Amino acid sequence: MRRYNLLVRDLLRDSIQGYRKSQSYTQEAMAEKLRLSPRSYADQEHGEYGFSATSLLFFMSLLPEREKLELIREFERLVEEEEGNGHVA
């Protein structure tokens, strides 16, 4: 399970950061959208901590349906790739 947690952590961090940059939001503005303190958001974006399930849901609520599905499909792809490499958590 730890392996999947790492996949989710990295995917979510990259997705949220990419979204923030594509929308030209500051870290402070993105923190507000995810209901986080600016410091907490910065720490999470820099990999100090993982985003919570609550942050994931707030993030998903910002995305159009197509992008929500793309995020889920990317997770599925990463899991398949991980399992195809012989790694099982």
PDB file of N, CA and C in Angstrom:
ATOM      1  N   MET A   1       0.834  -1.206   0.000  1.00  0.00           N
ATOM      2  CA  MET A   1       0.000   0.000   0.000  1.00  0.00           C
ATOM      3  C   MET A   1       0.868   1.255   0.000  1.00  0.00           C
ATOM      4  N   ARG A   2       1.995   1.219   0.662  1.00  0.00           N
ATOM      5  CA  ARG A   2       2.875   2.393   0.714  1.00  0.00           C
ATOM      6  C   ARG A   2       3.249   2.866  -0.688  1.00  0.00           C
ATOM      7  N   ARG A   3       3.510   1.926  -1.576  1.00  0.00           N
ATOM      8  CA  ARG A   3       3.902   2.256  -2.938  1.00  0.00           C
ATOM      9  C   ARG A   3       2.798   3.067  -3.630  1.00  0.00           C
ATOM     10  N   TYR A   4       1.553   2.670  -3.425  1.00  0.00           N
ATOM     11  CA  TYR A   4       0.430   3.395  -4.024  1.00  0.00           C
ATOM     12  C   TYR A   4       0.267   4.773  -3.395  1.00  0.00           C
ATOM     13  N   ASN A   5       0.518   4.862  -2.108  1.00  0.00           N
ATOM     14  CA  ASN A   5       0.453   6.168  -1.445  1.00  0.00           C
ATOM     15  C   ASN A   5       1.463   7.133  -2.056  1.00  0.00           C
ATOM     16  N   LEU A   6       2.650   6.622  -2.363  1.00  0.00           N
ATOM     17  CA  LEU A   6       3.669   7.463  -2.989  1.00  0.00           C
ATOM     18  C   LEU A   6       3.241   7.880  -4.399  1.00  0.00           C
ATOM     19  N   LEU A   7       2.627   6.968  -5.130  1.00  0.00           N
ATOM     20  CA  LEU A   7       2.121   7.310  -6.466  1.00  0.00           C
ATOM     21  C   LEU A   7       1.088   8.429  -6.384  1.00  0.00           C
ATOM     22  N   VAL A   8       0.159   8.284  -5.454  1.00  0.00           N
ATOM     23  CA  VAL A   8      -0.891   9.297  -5.287  1.00  0.00           C
ATOM     24  C   VAL A   8      -0.278  10.627  -4.859  1.00  0.00           C
ATOM     25  N   ARG A   9       0.639  10.580  -3.906  1.00  0.00           N
ATOM     26  CA  ARG A   9       1.273  11.815  -3.427  1.00  0.00           C
ATOM     27  C   ARG A   9       1.935  12.568  -4.571  1.00  0.00           C
ATOM     28  N   ASP A  10       2.721  11.863  -5.364  1.00  0.00           N
ATOM     29  CA  ASP A  10       3.444  12.517  -6.454  1.00  0.00           C
ATOM     30  C   ASP A  10       2.498  12.991  -7.560  1.00  0.00           C
ATOM     31  N   LEU A  11       1.533  12.162  -7.914  1.00  0.00           N
ATOM     32  CA  LEU A  11       0.573  12.535  -8.950  1.00  0.00           C
ATOM     33  C   LEU A  11      -0.228  13.762  -8.521  1.00  0.00           C
ATOM     34  N   LEU A  12      -0.691  13.762  -7.300  1.00  0.00           N
ATOM     35  CA  LEU A  12      -1.496  14.879  -6.817  1.00  0.00           C
ATOM     36  C   LEU A  12      -0.666  16.157  -6.736  1.00  0.00           C
ATOM     37  N   ARG A  13       0.544  16.050  -6.220  1.00  0.00           N
ATOM     38  CA  ARG A  13       1.410  17.230  -6.133  1.00  0.00           C
ATOM     39  C   ARG A  13       1.666  17.804  -7.527  1.00  0.00           C
ATOM     40  N   ASP A  14       2.026  16.945  -8.480  1.00  0.00           N
ATOM     41  CA  ASP A  14       2.306  17.423  -9.834  1.00  0.00           C
ATOM     42  C   ASP A  14       1.061  17.995 -10.497  1.00  0.00           C
ATOM     43  N   SER A  15      -0.085  17.359 -10.281  1.00  0.00           N
ATOM     44  CA  SER A  15      -1.338  17.829 -10.893  1.00  0.00           C
ATOM     45  C   SER A  15      -1.763  19.172 -10.324  1.00  0.00           C
ATOM     46  N   ILE A  16      -1.686  19.310  -9.022  1.00  0.00           N
ATOM     47  CA  ILE A  16      -2.100  20.572  -8.395  1.00  0.00           C
ATOM     48  C   ILE A  16      -1.145  21.691  -8.790  1.00  0.00           C
ATOM     49  N   GLN A  17       0.137  21.414  -8.763  1.00  0.00           N
ATOM     50  CA  GLN A  17       1.104  22.441  -9.148  1.00  0.00           C
ATOM     51  C   GLN A  17       0.931  22.825 -10.623  1.00  0.00           C
ATOM     52  N   GLY A  18       0.746  21.846 -11.482  1.00  0.00           N
ATOM     53  CA  GLY A  18       0.524  22.132 -12.899  1.00  0.00           C
ATOM     54  C   GLY A  18      -0.727  22.959 -13.127  1.00  0.00           C
ATOM     55  N   TYR A  19      -1.793  22.607 -12.400  1.00  0.00           N
ATOM     56  CA  TYR A  19      -3.037  23.364 -12.509  1.00  0.00           C
ATOM     57  C   TYR A  19      -2.819  24.803 -12.045  1.00  0.00           C
ATOM     58  N   ARG A  20      -2.155  24.958 -10.918  1.00  0.00           N
ATOM     59  CA  ARG A  20      -1.903  26.298 -10.372  1.00  0.00           C
ATOM     60  C   ARG A  20      -1.166  27.156 -11.396  1.00  0.00           C
ATOM     61  N   LYS A  21      -0.141  26.590 -11.986  1.00  0.00           N
ATOM     62  CA  LYS A  21       0.652  27.350 -12.953  1.00  0.00           C
ATOM     63  C   LYS A  21      -0.141  27.636 -14.221  1.00  0.00           C
ATOM     64  N   SER A  22      -0.949  26.672 -14.676  1.00  0.00           N
ATOM     65  CA  SER A  22      -1.738  26.880 -15.895  1.00  0.00           C
ATOM     66  C   SER A  22      -2.783  27.978 -15.716  1.00  0.00           C
ATOM     67  N   GLN A  23      -3.214  28.172 -14.485  1.00  0.00           N
ATOM     68  CA  GLN A  23      -4.208  29.198 -14.179  1.00  0.00           C
ATOM     69  C   GLN A  23      -3.566  30.511 -13.731  1.00  0.00           C
ATOM     70  N   SER A  24      -2.231  30.519 -13.677  1.00  0.00           N
ATOM     71  CA  SER A  24      -1.461  31.690 -13.218  1.00  0.00           C
ATOM     72  C   SER A  24      -1.834  32.098 -11.797  1.00  0.00           C
ATOM     73  N   TYR A  25      -2.123  31.101 -10.946  1.00  0.00           N
ATOM     74  CA  TYR A  25      -2.402  31.371  -9.542  1.00  0.00           C
ATOM     75  C   TYR A  25      -1.101  31.390  -8.748  1.00  0.00           C
ATOM     76  N   THR A  26      -1.062  32.244  -7.765  1.00  0.00           N
ATOM     77  CA  THR A  26       0.044  32.203  -6.812  1.00  0.00           C
ATOM     78  C   THR A  26      -0.179  31.016  -5.879  1.00  0.00           C
ATOM     79  N   GLN A  27       0.845  30.660  -5.137  1.00  0.00           N
ATOM     80  CA  GLN A  27       0.657  29.608  -4.137  1.00  0.00           C
ATOM     81  C   GLN A  27      -0.396  30.024  -3.123  1.00  0.00           C
ATOM     82  N   GLU A  28      -0.429  31.293  -2.769  1.00  0.00           N
ATOM     83  CA  GLU A  28      -1.405  31.782  -1.802  1.00  0.00           C
ATOM     84  C   GLU A  28      -2.830  31.633  -2.332  1.00  0.00           C
ATOM     85  N   ALA A  29      -3.030  31.955  -3.602  1.00  0.00           N
ATOM     86  CA  ALA A  29      -4.369  31.833  -4.196  1.00  0.00           C
ATOM     87  C   ALA A  29      -4.791  30.369  -4.257  1.00  0.00           C
ATOM     88  N   MET A  30      -3.857  29.487  -4.607  1.00  0.00           N
ATOM     89  CA  MET A  30      -4.188  28.065  -4.679  1.00  0.00           C
ATOM     90  C   MET A  30      -4.475  27.528  -3.285  1.00  0.00           C
ATOM     91  N   ALA A  31      -3.718  27.963  -2.307  1.00  0.00           N
ATOM     92  CA  ALA A  31      -3.967  27.547  -0.928  1.00  0.00           C
ATOM     93  C   ALA A  31      -5.382  27.914  -0.508  1.00  0.00           C
ATOM     94  N   GLU A  32      -5.809  29.092  -0.872  1.00  0.00           N
ATOM     95  CA  GLU A  32      -7.163  29.537  -0.535  1.00  0.00           C
ATOM     96  C   GLU A  32      -8.208  28.632  -1.187  1.00  0.00           C
ATOM     97  N   LYS A  33      -8.001  28.265  -2.433  1.00  0.00           N
ATOM     98  CA  LYS A  33      -8.952  27.404  -3.137  1.00  0.00           C
ATOM     99  C   LYS A  33      -9.035  26.005  -2.514  1.00  0.00           C
ATOM    100  N   LEU A  34      -7.912  25.556  -1.925  1.00  0.00           N
ATOM    101  CA  LEU A  34      -7.885  24.230  -1.295  1.00  0.00           C
ATOM    102  C   LEU A  34      -8.171  24.295   0.206  1.00  0.00           C
ATOM    103  N   ARG A  35      -8.462  25.498   0.689  1.00  0.00           N
ATOM    104  CA  ARG A  35      -8.770  25.731   2.114  1.00  0.00           C
ATOM    105  C   ARG A  35      -7.583  25.350   3.011  1.00  0.00           C
ATOM    106  N   LEU A  36      -6.374  25.736   2.561  1.00  0.00           N
ATOM    107  CA  LEU A  36      -5.149  25.476   3.310  1.00  0.00           C
ATOM    108  C   LEU A  36      -4.480  26.797   3.659  1.00  0.00           C
ATOM    109  N   SER A  37      -3.633  26.778   4.660  1.00  0.00           N
ATOM    110  CA  SER A  37      -2.813  27.950   4.918  1.00  0.00           C
ATOM    111  C   SER A  37      -1.755  28.031   3.818  1.00  0.00           C
ATOM    112  N   PRO A  38      -1.300  29.239   3.496  1.00  0.00           N
ATOM    113  CA  PRO A  38      -0.269  29.360   2.467  1.00  0.00           C
ATOM    114  C   PRO A  38       0.989  28.545   2.801  1.00  0.00           C
ATOM    115  N   ARG A  39       1.382  28.522   4.057  1.00  0.00           N
ATOM    116  CA  ARG A  39       2.572  27.758   4.461  1.00  0.00           C
ATOM    117  C   ARG A  39       2.359  26.261   4.250  1.00  0.00           C
ATOM    118  N   SER A  40       1.204  25.770   4.636  1.00  0.00           N
ATOM    119  CA  SER A  40       0.886  24.352   4.465  1.00  0.00           C
ATOM    120  C   SER A  40       0.877  23.995   2.983  1.00  0.00           C
ATOM    121  N   TYR A  41       0.278  24.851   2.172  1.00  0.00           N
ATOM    122  CA  TYR A  41       0.248  24.583   0.743  1.00  0.00           C
ATOM    123  C   TYR A  41       1.663  24.523   0.177  1.00  0.00           C
ATOM    124  N   ALA A  42       2.489  25.495   0.510  1.00  0.00           N
ATOM    125  CA  ALA A  42       3.867  25.529  -0.005  1.00  0.00           C
ATOM    126  C   ALA A  42       4.623  24.269   0.406  1.00  0.00           C
ATOM    127  N   ASP A  43       4.474  23.859   1.656  1.00  0.00           N
ATOM    128  CA  ASP A  43       5.139  22.635   2.127  1.00  0.00           C
ATOM    129  C   ASP A  43       4.678  21.418   1.332  1.00  0.00           C
ATOM    130  N   GLN A  44       3.399  21.342   1.054  1.00  0.00           N
ATOM    131  CA  GLN A  44       2.861  20.202   0.319  1.00  0.00           C
ATOM    132  C   GLN A  44       3.302  20.234  -1.146  1.00  0.00           C
ATOM    133  N   GLU A  45       3.297  21.405  -1.738  1.00  0.00           N
ATOM    134  CA  GLU A  45       3.734  21.505  -3.137  1.00  0.00           C
ATOM    135  C   GLU A  45       5.211  21.148  -3.270  1.00  0.00           C
ATOM    136  N   HIS A  46       5.986  21.444  -2.257  1.00  0.00           N
ATOM    137  CA  HIS A  46       7.418  21.128  -2.298  1.00  0.00           C
ATOM    138  C   HIS A  46       7.734  19.723  -1.799  1.00  0.00           C
ATOM    139  N   GLY A  47       6.708  18.937  -1.509  1.00  0.00           N
ATOM    140  CA  GLY A  47       6.915  17.541  -1.155  1.00  0.00           C
ATOM    141  C   GLY A  47       7.219  17.270   0.300  1.00  0.00           C
ATOM    142  N   GLU A  48       7.093  18.277   1.155  1.00  0.00           N
ATOM    143  CA  GLU A  48       7.332  18.057   2.586  1.00  0.00           C
ATOM    144  C   GLU A  48       6.267  17.150   3.186  1.00  0.00           C
ATOM    145  N   TYR A  49       5.054  17.305   2.697  1.00  0.00           N
ATOM    146  CA  TYR A  49       3.909  16.514   3.155  1.00  0.00           C
ATOM    147  C   TYR A  49       3.049  16.192   1.938  1.00  0.00           C
ATOM    148  N   GLY A  50       2.200  15.200   2.075  1.00  0.00           N
ATOM    149  CA  GLY A  50       1.260  14.882   1.014  1.00  0.00           C
ATOM    150  C   GLY A  50      -0.047  15.637   1.211  1.00  0.00           C
ATOM    151  N   PHE A  51      -0.753  15.864   0.118  1.00  0.00           N
ATOM    152  CA  PHE A  51      -2.071  16.487   0.201  1.00  0.00           C
ATOM    153  C   PHE A  51      -3.062  15.494   0.794  1.00  0.00           C
ATOM    154  N   SER A  52      -4.010  15.997   1.529  1.00  0.00           N
ATOM    155  CA  SER A  52      -5.021  15.150   2.179  1.00  0.00           C
ATOM    156  C   SER A  52      -6.145  14.804   1.211  1.00  0.00           C
ATOM    157  N   ALA A  53      -6.978  13.881   1.637  1.00  0.00           N
ATOM    158  CA  ALA A  53      -8.163  13.527   0.850  1.00  0.00           C
ATOM    159  C   ALA A  53      -9.068  14.749   0.691  1.00  0.00           C
ATOM    160  N   THR A  54      -9.140  15.575   1.703  1.00  0.00           N
ATOM    161  CA  THR A  54      -9.954  16.785   1.630  1.00  0.00           C
ATOM    162  C   THR A  54      -9.413  17.721   0.559  1.00  0.00           C
ATOM    163  N   SER A  55      -8.093  17.890   0.531  1.00  0.00           N
ATOM    164  CA  SER A  55      -7.481  18.731  -0.501  1.00  0.00           C
ATOM    165  C   SER A  55      -7.734  18.153  -1.889  1.00  0.00           C
ATOM    166  N   LEU A  56      -7.653  16.831  -2.002  1.00  0.00           N
ATOM    167  CA  LEU A  56      -7.935  16.181  -3.278  1.00  0.00           C
ATOM    168  C   LEU A  56      -9.347  16.520  -3.750  1.00  0.00           C
ATOM    169  N   LEU A  57     -10.314  16.433  -2.864  1.00  0.00           N
ATOM    170  CA  LEU A  57     -11.701  16.716  -3.249  1.00  0.00           C
ATOM    171  C   LEU A  57     -11.912  18.185  -3.604  1.00  0.00           C
ATOM    172  N   PHE A  58     -11.280  19.082  -2.855  1.00  0.00           N
ATOM    173  CA  PHE A  58     -11.381  20.500  -3.227  1.00  0.00           C
ATOM    174  C   PHE A  58     -10.738  20.728  -4.595  1.00  0.00           C
ATOM    175  N   PHE A  59      -9.609  20.078  -4.844  1.00  0.00           N
ATOM    176  CA  PHE A  59      -8.948  20.205  -6.140  1.00  0.00           C
ATOM    177  C   PHE A  59      -9.835  19.660  -7.252  1.00  0.00           C
ATOM    178  N   MET A  60     -10.388  18.482  -7.047  1.00  0.00           N
ATOM    179  CA  MET A  60     -11.251  17.870  -8.065  1.00  0.00           C
ATOM    180  C   MET A  60     -12.455  18.762  -8.366  1.00  0.00           C
ATOM    181  N   SER A  61     -12.947  19.470  -7.355  1.00  0.00           N
ATOM    182  CA  SER A  61     -14.109  20.332  -7.577  1.00  0.00           C
ATOM    183  C   SER A  61     -13.766  21.520  -8.485  1.00  0.00           C
ATOM    184  N   LEU A  62     -12.484  21.830  -8.639  1.00  0.00           N
ATOM    185  CA  LEU A  62     -12.066  22.920  -9.520  1.00  0.00           C
ATOM    186  C   LEU A  62     -11.977  22.489 -10.978  1.00  0.00           C
ATOM    187  N   LEU A  63     -11.846  21.191 -11.206  1.00  0.00           N
ATOM    188  CA  LEU A  63     -11.575  20.676 -12.540  1.00  0.00           C
ATOM    189  C   LEU A  63     -12.845  20.422 -13.342  1.00  0.00           C
ATOM    190  N   PRO A  64     -12.768  20.636 -14.644  1.00  0.00           N
ATOM    191  CA  PRO A  64     -13.866  20.208 -15.516  1.00  0.00           C
ATOM    192  C   PRO A  64     -13.935  18.677 -15.509  1.00  0.00           C
ATOM    193  N   GLU A  65     -15.085  18.132 -15.852  1.00  0.00           N
ATOM    194  CA  GLU A  65     -15.285  16.671 -15.823  1.00  0.00           C
ATOM    195  C   GLU A  65     -14.200  15.925 -16.588  1.00  0.00           C
ATOM    196  N   ARG A  66     -13.839  16.397 -17.748  1.00  0.00           N
ATOM    197  CA  ARG A  66     -12.842  15.729 -18.578  1.00  0.00           C
ATOM    198  C   ARG A  66     -11.504  15.610 -17.846  1.00  0.00           C
ATOM    199  N   GLU A  67     -11.106  16.670 -17.150  1.00  0.00           N
ATOM    200  CA  GLU A  67      -9.830  16.656 -16.429  1.00  0.00           C
ATOM    201  C   GLU A  67      -9.894  15.767 -15.186  1.00  0.00           C
ATOM    202  N   LYS A  68     -11.060  15.665 -14.579  1.00  0.00           N
ATOM    203  CA  LYS A  68     -11.213  14.736 -13.451  1.00  0.00           C
ATOM    204  C   LYS A  68     -10.965  13.313 -13.918  1.00  0.00           C
ATOM    205  N   LEU A  69     -11.573  12.976 -15.033  1.00  0.00           N
ATOM    206  CA  LEU A  69     -11.394  11.633 -15.590  1.00  0.00           C
ATOM    207  C   LEU A  69      -9.946  11.393 -16.008  1.00  0.00           C
ATOM    208  N   GLU A  70      -9.303  12.396 -16.570  1.00  0.00           N
ATOM    209  CA  GLU A  70      -7.904  12.264 -16.961  1.00  0.00           C
ATOM    210  C   GLU A  70      -7.018  11.986 -15.742  1.00  0.00           C
ATOM    211  N   LEU A  71      -7.296  12.636 -14.635  1.00  0.00           N
ATOM    212  CA  LEU A  71      -6.518  12.421 -13.417  1.00  0.00           C
ATOM    213  C   LEU A  71      -6.691  10.980 -12.920  1.00  0.00           C
ATOM    214  N   ILE A  72      -7.914  10.502 -12.937  1.00  0.00           N
ATOM    215  CA  ILE A  72      -8.174   9.126 -12.512  1.00  0.00           C
ATOM    216  C   ILE A  72      -7.504   8.141 -13.462  1.00  0.00           C
ATOM    217  N   ARG A  73      -7.585   8.391 -14.742  1.00  0.00           N
ATOM    218  CA  ARG A  73      -6.950   7.493 -15.725  1.00  0.00           C
ATOM    219  C   ARG A  73      -5.433   7.496 -15.584  1.00  0.00           C
ATOM    220  N   GLU A  74      -4.873   8.643 -15.273  1.00  0.00           N
ATOM    221  CA  GLU A  74      -3.424   8.712 -15.057  1.00  0.00           C
ATOM    222  C   GLU A  74      -3.021   7.884 -13.841  1.00  0.00           C
ATOM    223  N   PHE A  75      -3.810   7.937 -12.794  1.00  0.00           N
ATOM    224  CA  PHE A  75      -3.539   7.096 -11.622  1.00  0.00           C
ATOM    225  C   PHE A  75      -3.604   5.620 -12.010  1.00  0.00           C
ATOM    226  N   GLU A  76      -4.631   5.238 -12.753  1.00  0.00           N
ATOM    227  CA  GLU A  76      -4.758   3.848 -13.191  1.00  0.00           C
ATOM    228  C   GLU A  76      -3.554   3.427 -14.029  1.00  0.00           C
ATOM    229  N   ARG A  77      -3.098   4.297 -14.909  1.00  0.00           N
ATOM    230  CA  ARG A  77      -1.940   4.006 -15.742  1.00  0.00           C
ATOM    231  C   ARG A  77      -0.688   3.794 -14.890  1.00  0.00           C
ATOM    232  N   LEU A  78      -0.502   4.654 -13.902  1.00  0.00           N
ATOM    233  CA  LEU A  78       0.659   4.534 -13.024  1.00  0.00           C
ATOM    234  C   LEU A  78       0.619   3.234 -12.219  1.00  0.00           C
ATOM    235  N   VAL A  79      -0.562   2.855 -11.759  1.00  0.00           N
ATOM    236  CA  VAL A  79      -0.701   1.600 -11.012  1.00  0.00           C
ATOM    237  C   VAL A  79      -0.370   0.415 -11.917  1.00  0.00           C
ATOM    238  N   GLU A  80      -0.918   0.423 -13.124  1.00  0.00           N
ATOM    239  CA  GLU A  80      -0.637  -0.667 -14.062  1.00  0.00           C
ATOM    240  C   GLU A  80       0.854  -0.751 -14.370  1.00  0.00           C
ATOM    241  N   GLU A  81       1.473   0.393 -14.546  1.00  0.00           N
ATOM    242  CA  GLU A  81       2.912   0.427 -14.821  1.00  0.00           C
ATOM    243  C   GLU A  81       3.697  -0.122 -13.634  1.00  0.00           C
ATOM    244  N   GLU A  82       3.300   0.277 -12.452  1.00  0.00           N
ATOM    245  CA  GLU A  82       3.962  -0.191 -11.230  1.00  0.00           C
ATOM    246  C   GLU A  82       3.821  -1.702 -11.090  1.00  0.00           C
ATOM    247  N   GLU A  83       2.634  -2.195 -11.287  1.00  0.00           N
ATOM    248  CA  GLU A  83       2.389  -3.626 -11.141  1.00  0.00           C
ATOM    249  C   GLU A  83       3.045  -4.410 -12.272  1.00  0.00           C
ATOM    250  N   GLY A  84       3.142  -3.801 -13.439  1.00  0.00           N
ATOM    251  CA  GLY A  84       3.805  -4.457 -14.552  1.00  0.00           C
ATOM    252  C   GLY A  84       5.302  -4.596 -14.356  1.00  0.00           C
ATOM    253  N   ASN A  85       5.844  -3.737 -13.499  1.00  0.00           N
ATOM    254  CA  ASN A  85       7.272  -3.811 -13.178  1.00  0.00           C
ATOM    255  C   ASN A  85       7.563  -4.799 -12.067  1.00  0.00           C
ATOM    256  N   GLY A  86       6.544  -5.532 -11.663  1.00  0.00           N
ATOM    257  CA  GLY A  86       6.743  -6.535 -10.618  1.00  0.00           C
ATOM    258  C   GLY A  86       6.661  -6.020  -9.208  1.00  0.00           C
ATOM    259  N   HIS A  87       6.265  -4.763  -9.054  1.00  0.00           N
ATOM    260  CA  HIS A  87       6.117  -4.200  -7.717  1.00  0.00           C
ATOM    261  C   HIS A  87       4.693  -4.377  -7.237  1.00  0.00           C
ATOM    262  N   VAL A  88       4.544  -4.965  -6.107  1.00  0.00           N
ATOM    263  CA  VAL A  88       3.232  -5.081  -5.475  1.00  0.00           C
ATOM    264  C   VAL A  88       3.394  -4.608  -4.054  1.00  0.00           C
ATOM    265  N   ALA A  89       2.525  -3.688  -3.653  1.00  0.00           N
ATOM    266  CA  ALA A  89       2.637  -3.106  -2.301  1.00  0.00           C
ATOM    267  C   ALA A  89       2.266  -4.105  -1.244  1.00  0.00           C
TER     268      ALA A  89
END
